[in-house]
Amino acid sequence: MNALARRLGIVAWPAFVVAGVIEMFVFAFVEPASLHGLGGGELELSATAVYSIAFFVFWALVAAACLAALKLACSAEEINRAGREGPAA
């Protein structure tokens, strides 16, 4: 398995699981039909669409946090080696 695929799995899988937990928690207390857009009008989306969009937003946010944590966990040697070898390393 190459390093990029491994890192993708390290970031994407925990982000997926946590996004699912956040989704369950948020929508246990929020009814999608009660949500309004930025202009104050009702969202003209089905409940399923709201759940889906929210899940992908949560997943992206948690993935960004996981990616930041992965980058912060790198040692100086790993960062310097990646700089010499290029982005594919």
Protein backbone atom coordinates (compact mmCIF):
# COMPACT_ATOMS: atom_id res chain seq x y z
CA MET A 1 0.00 0.00 0.00
CA ASN A 2 1.47 3.33 -0.93
CA ALA A 3 1.88 6.16 1.57
CA LEU A 4 -0.81 8.39 0.04
CA ALA A 5 -3.48 5.67 0.23
CA ARG A 6 -2.46 4.90 3.82
CA ARG A 7 -2.71 8.56 4.84
CA LEU A 8 -6.05 8.89 3.08
CA GLY A 9 -7.37 5.95 5.10
CA ILE A 10 -5.95 7.37 8.32
CA VAL A 11 -7.82 10.64 7.70
CA ALA A 12 -11.01 9.52 5.92
CA TRP A 13 -12.12 6.57 8.06
CA PRO A 14 -12.12 8.25 11.51
CA ALA A 15 -13.63 11.37 9.93
CA PHE A 16 -16.43 9.24 8.45
CA VAL A 17 -17.21 7.60 11.80
CA VAL A 18 -17.15 10.87 13.75
CA ALA A 19 -19.28 12.62 11.11
CA GLY A 20 -21.89 9.87 11.56
CA VAL A 21 -21.90 10.37 15.32
CA ILE A 22 -22.20 14.15 14.95
CA GLU A 23 -25.04 13.65 12.46
CA MET A 24 -26.96 11.46 14.91
CA PHE A 25 -26.39 13.89 17.77
CA VAL A 26 -27.33 17.03 15.85
CA PHE A 27 -30.45 15.63 14.23
CA ALA A 28 -31.65 14.10 17.50
CA PHE A 29 -32.29 17.73 18.52
CA VAL A 30 -32.83 19.54 15.20
CA GLU A 31 -35.74 18.94 12.84
CA PRO A 32 -34.64 19.49 9.21
CA ALA A 33 -38.00 21.06 8.35
CA SER A 34 -37.38 23.80 10.93
CA LEU A 35 -34.13 24.97 9.33
CA HIS A 36 -34.00 28.26 7.44
CA GLY A 37 -31.55 29.60 4.89
CA LEU A 38 -29.30 32.61 5.33
CA GLY A 39 -31.99 34.91 3.92
CA GLY A 40 -34.48 33.75 6.52
CA GLY A 41 -36.62 31.70 4.14
CA GLU A 42 -37.35 28.02 4.60
CA LEU A 43 -35.02 25.54 2.95
CA GLU A 44 -36.68 23.96 -0.03
CA LEU A 45 -34.93 20.65 0.48
CA SER A 46 -36.22 17.29 1.58
CA ALA A 47 -35.20 15.95 4.98
CA THR A 48 -33.03 13.36 3.24
CA ALA A 49 -31.20 16.08 1.32
CA VAL A 50 -30.58 18.05 4.52
CA TYR A 51 -29.26 14.93 6.27
CA SER A 52 -26.99 14.14 3.32
CA ILE A 53 -25.60 17.65 2.90
CA ALA A 54 -25.03 17.97 6.64
CA PHE A 55 -23.22 14.62 6.76
CA PHE A 56 -20.82 15.62 3.99
CA VAL A 57 -20.18 19.00 5.61
CA PHE A 58 -19.47 17.30 8.95
CA TRP A 59 -17.25 14.76 7.21
CA ALA A 60 -15.24 17.48 5.44
CA LEU A 61 -14.77 19.47 8.65
CA VAL A 62 -13.68 16.46 10.68
CA ALA A 63 -11.41 15.28 7.84
CA ALA A 64 -9.73 18.71 7.81
CA ALA A 65 -9.15 18.41 11.56
CA CYS A 66 -7.77 14.86 11.15
CA LEU A 67 -5.49 16.01 8.34
CA ALA A 68 -4.19 18.87 10.48
CA ALA A 69 -3.53 16.45 13.33
CA LEU A 70 -1.72 14.06 10.96
CA LYS A 71 0.47 16.88 9.67
CA LEU A 72 1.21 18.13 13.19
CA ALA A 73 2.21 14.61 14.25
CA CYS A 74 4.99 14.43 11.62
CA SER A 75 8.52 14.68 12.89
CA ALA A 76 10.98 17.20 11.47
CA GLU A 77 12.81 14.36 9.70
CA GLU A 78 9.61 13.21 7.96
CA ILE A 79 8.82 16.75 6.83
CA ASN A 80 12.35 17.33 5.55
CA ARG A 81 12.40 13.94 3.78
CA ALA A 82 9.06 14.70 2.09
CA GLY A 83 10.41 18.08 0.97
CA ARG A 84 13.43 16.46 -0.67
CA GLU A 85 11.49 13.60 -2.27
CA GLY A 86 8.53 15.66 -3.48
CA PRO A 87 4.79 15.45 -2.76
CA ALA A 88 4.45 11.80 -3.85
CA ALA A 89 6.46 10.53 -0.87
